[in-house]
């Protein structure tokens, strides 16, 4: 197998893992009583994974899924730069949806999903 095929396969596997993780995260949030408002909201500056509400608070949820720990835990991937970007994107979402003000909470759903094993979902409410 040439290197380009391996890269394409790895990239596709990561995309599939990410989509599966976001599906798991959305279902987890629903089971916690939240209503998912939107998934994968995009603008020119980036993307928000999941926007949800508990009825009074907007919950902006970053989802990180990993199949191994070679690059650290999923939650460790939400760096200060990533948090800053998510806050800015949230302001854009609020403006786009014409939401004047509401309480906001930033959560992380970290999913460990090694090949051949059941995924482990860790929800960190108020992560940042």
Protein backbone atom coordinates (compact mmCIF):
# COMPACT_ATOMS: atom_id res chain seq x y z
CA UNK A 1 0.00 0.00 0.00
CA UNK A 2 1.50 3.36 -0.94
CA UNK A 3 1.85 6.23 1.49
CA UNK A 4 -0.99 8.31 -0.04
CA UNK A 5 -3.48 5.43 0.39
CA UNK A 6 -2.36 5.01 4.01
CA UNK A 7 -2.78 8.75 4.66
CA UNK A 8 -6.26 8.75 3.09
CA UNK A 9 -7.30 5.71 5.10
CA UNK A 10 -5.98 7.20 8.35
CA UNK A 11 -7.67 10.55 7.63
CA UNK A 12 -10.97 8.79 6.86
CA UNK A 13 -10.68 6.69 10.02
CA UNK A 14 -10.14 9.85 12.10
CA UNK A 15 -13.18 11.48 10.51
CA UNK A 16 -15.31 8.41 11.20
CA UNK A 17 -14.02 8.26 14.79
CA UNK A 18 -14.82 11.95 15.25
CA UNK A 19 -18.35 11.55 13.86
CA UNK A 20 -18.99 8.52 16.06
CA UNK A 21 -17.70 10.44 19.07
CA UNK A 22 -19.99 13.38 18.36
CA UNK A 23 -22.95 11.01 18.01
CA UNK A 24 -22.10 9.44 21.38
CA UNK A 25 -21.66 12.86 22.97
CA UNK A 26 -25.00 14.15 21.66
CA UNK A 27 -26.79 11.05 22.97
CA UNK A 28 -25.03 11.38 26.33
CA UNK A 29 -26.12 15.02 26.62
CA UNK A 30 -29.72 14.07 25.79
CA UNK A 31 -29.65 11.40 28.50
CA UNK A 32 -28.44 14.08 30.91
CA UNK A 33 -31.60 16.07 30.13
CA UNK A 34 -30.15 18.60 27.73
CA UNK A 35 -31.73 19.54 24.42
CA UNK A 36 -29.31 19.60 21.51
CA UNK A 37 -29.93 22.79 19.55
CA UNK A 38 -27.33 22.42 16.86
CA UNK A 39 -24.40 20.26 15.81
CA UNK A 40 -21.33 21.20 13.80
CA UNK A 41 -22.19 24.88 13.48
CA UNK A 42 -19.68 26.48 11.13
CA UNK A 43 -18.60 29.94 10.17
CA UNK A 44 -15.52 31.28 8.46
CA UNK A 45 -13.51 31.21 11.71
CA UNK A 46 -14.24 27.60 12.68
CA UNK A 47 -16.77 25.15 14.05
CA UNK A 48 -18.64 24.46 17.28
CA UNK A 49 -19.30 20.75 17.87
CA UNK A 50 -22.53 20.79 19.90
CA UNK A 51 -24.74 23.57 21.20
CA UNK A 52 -27.33 22.48 23.73
CA UNK A 53 -29.48 23.88 26.52
CA UNK A 54 -30.81 22.74 29.87
CA UNK A 55 -33.68 25.21 29.50
CA UNK A 56 -31.88 28.21 30.99
CA UNK A 57 -28.20 27.88 30.07
CA UNK A 58 -26.54 27.59 26.67
CA UNK A 59 -24.12 24.66 26.82
CA UNK A 60 -21.30 24.85 24.28
CA UNK A 61 -19.76 21.41 24.10
CA UNK A 62 -16.41 20.53 22.59
CA UNK A 63 -16.10 16.84 21.75
CA UNK A 64 -12.74 15.08 21.61
CA UNK A 65 -12.48 11.41 20.71
CA UNK A 66 -9.30 9.37 20.77
CA UNK A 67 -8.61 5.75 19.89
CA UNK A 68 -5.42 5.67 21.96
CA UNK A 69 -3.30 7.70 24.35
CA UNK A 70 -0.26 8.27 22.11
CA UNK A 71 -1.07 11.98 22.03
CA UNK A 72 -2.53 12.30 25.54
CA UNK A 73 -6.09 12.09 26.79
CA UNK A 74 -8.94 13.53 24.73
CA UNK A 75 -9.57 16.30 27.28
CA UNK A 76 -5.92 17.40 27.09
CA UNK A 77 -6.49 18.28 23.44
CA UNK A 78 -8.65 21.23 24.50
CA UNK A 79 -5.79 23.68 24.90
CA UNK A 80 -5.99 27.31 25.96
CA UNK A 81 -5.86 28.34 22.27
CA UNK A 82 -8.78 26.00 21.53
CA UNK A 83 -10.77 27.39 24.48
CA UNK A 84 -10.15 30.95 23.29
CA UNK A 85 -11.30 30.02 19.79
CA UNK A 86 -14.47 28.33 21.14
CA UNK A 87 -15.33 31.44 23.17
CA UNK A 88 -14.97 33.62 20.06
CA UNK A 89 -17.03 31.23 17.95
CA UNK A 90 -19.72 31.24 20.62
CA UNK A 91 -19.96 35.03 20.32
CA UNK A 92 -20.39 34.60 16.57
CA UNK A 93 -23.10 31.96 17.10
CA UNK A 94 -24.96 34.23 19.53
CA UNK A 95 -24.85 37.08 17.00
CA UNK A 96 -25.90 34.83 14.10
CA UNK A 97 -28.84 33.48 16.11
CA UNK A 98 -29.67 36.95 17.49
CA UNK A 99 -29.42 35.84 21.09
CA UNK A 100 -28.93 38.99 23.13
CA UNK A 101 -27.79 37.37 26.36
CA UNK A 102 -27.99 34.09 28.20
CA UNK A 103 -25.92 32.20 30.75
CA UNK A 104 -23.27 30.10 28.98
CA UNK A 105 -21.40 27.02 30.13
CA UNK A 106 -18.49 25.44 28.28
CA UNK A 107 -18.30 21.64 28.55
CA UNK A 108 -15.96 19.02 27.17
CA UNK A 109 -17.04 15.49 26.32
CA UNK A 110 -13.91 13.35 26.18
CA UNK A 111 -14.30 9.91 24.64
CA UNK A 112 -11.73 7.12 24.79
CA UNK A 113 -12.57 4.55 22.12
CA UNK A 114 -9.76 2.03 21.60
CA UNK A 115 -10.26 -0.33 18.64
CA UNK A 116 -12.38 -3.34 19.56
CA UNK A 117 -13.44 -1.91 22.92
CA UNK A 118 -16.49 -0.09 24.22
CA UNK A 119 -16.11 3.69 24.31
CA UNK A 120 -15.73 5.46 27.64
CA UNK A 121 -17.50 8.83 27.78
CA UNK A 122 -16.34 11.46 30.27
CA UNK A 123 -18.43 14.64 30.50
CA UNK A 124 -16.66 17.61 32.07
CA UNK A 125 -19.35 20.21 32.78
CA UNK A 126 -18.03 23.73 33.15
CA UNK A 127 -14.62 22.67 31.86
CA UNK A 128 -13.61 26.24 31.11
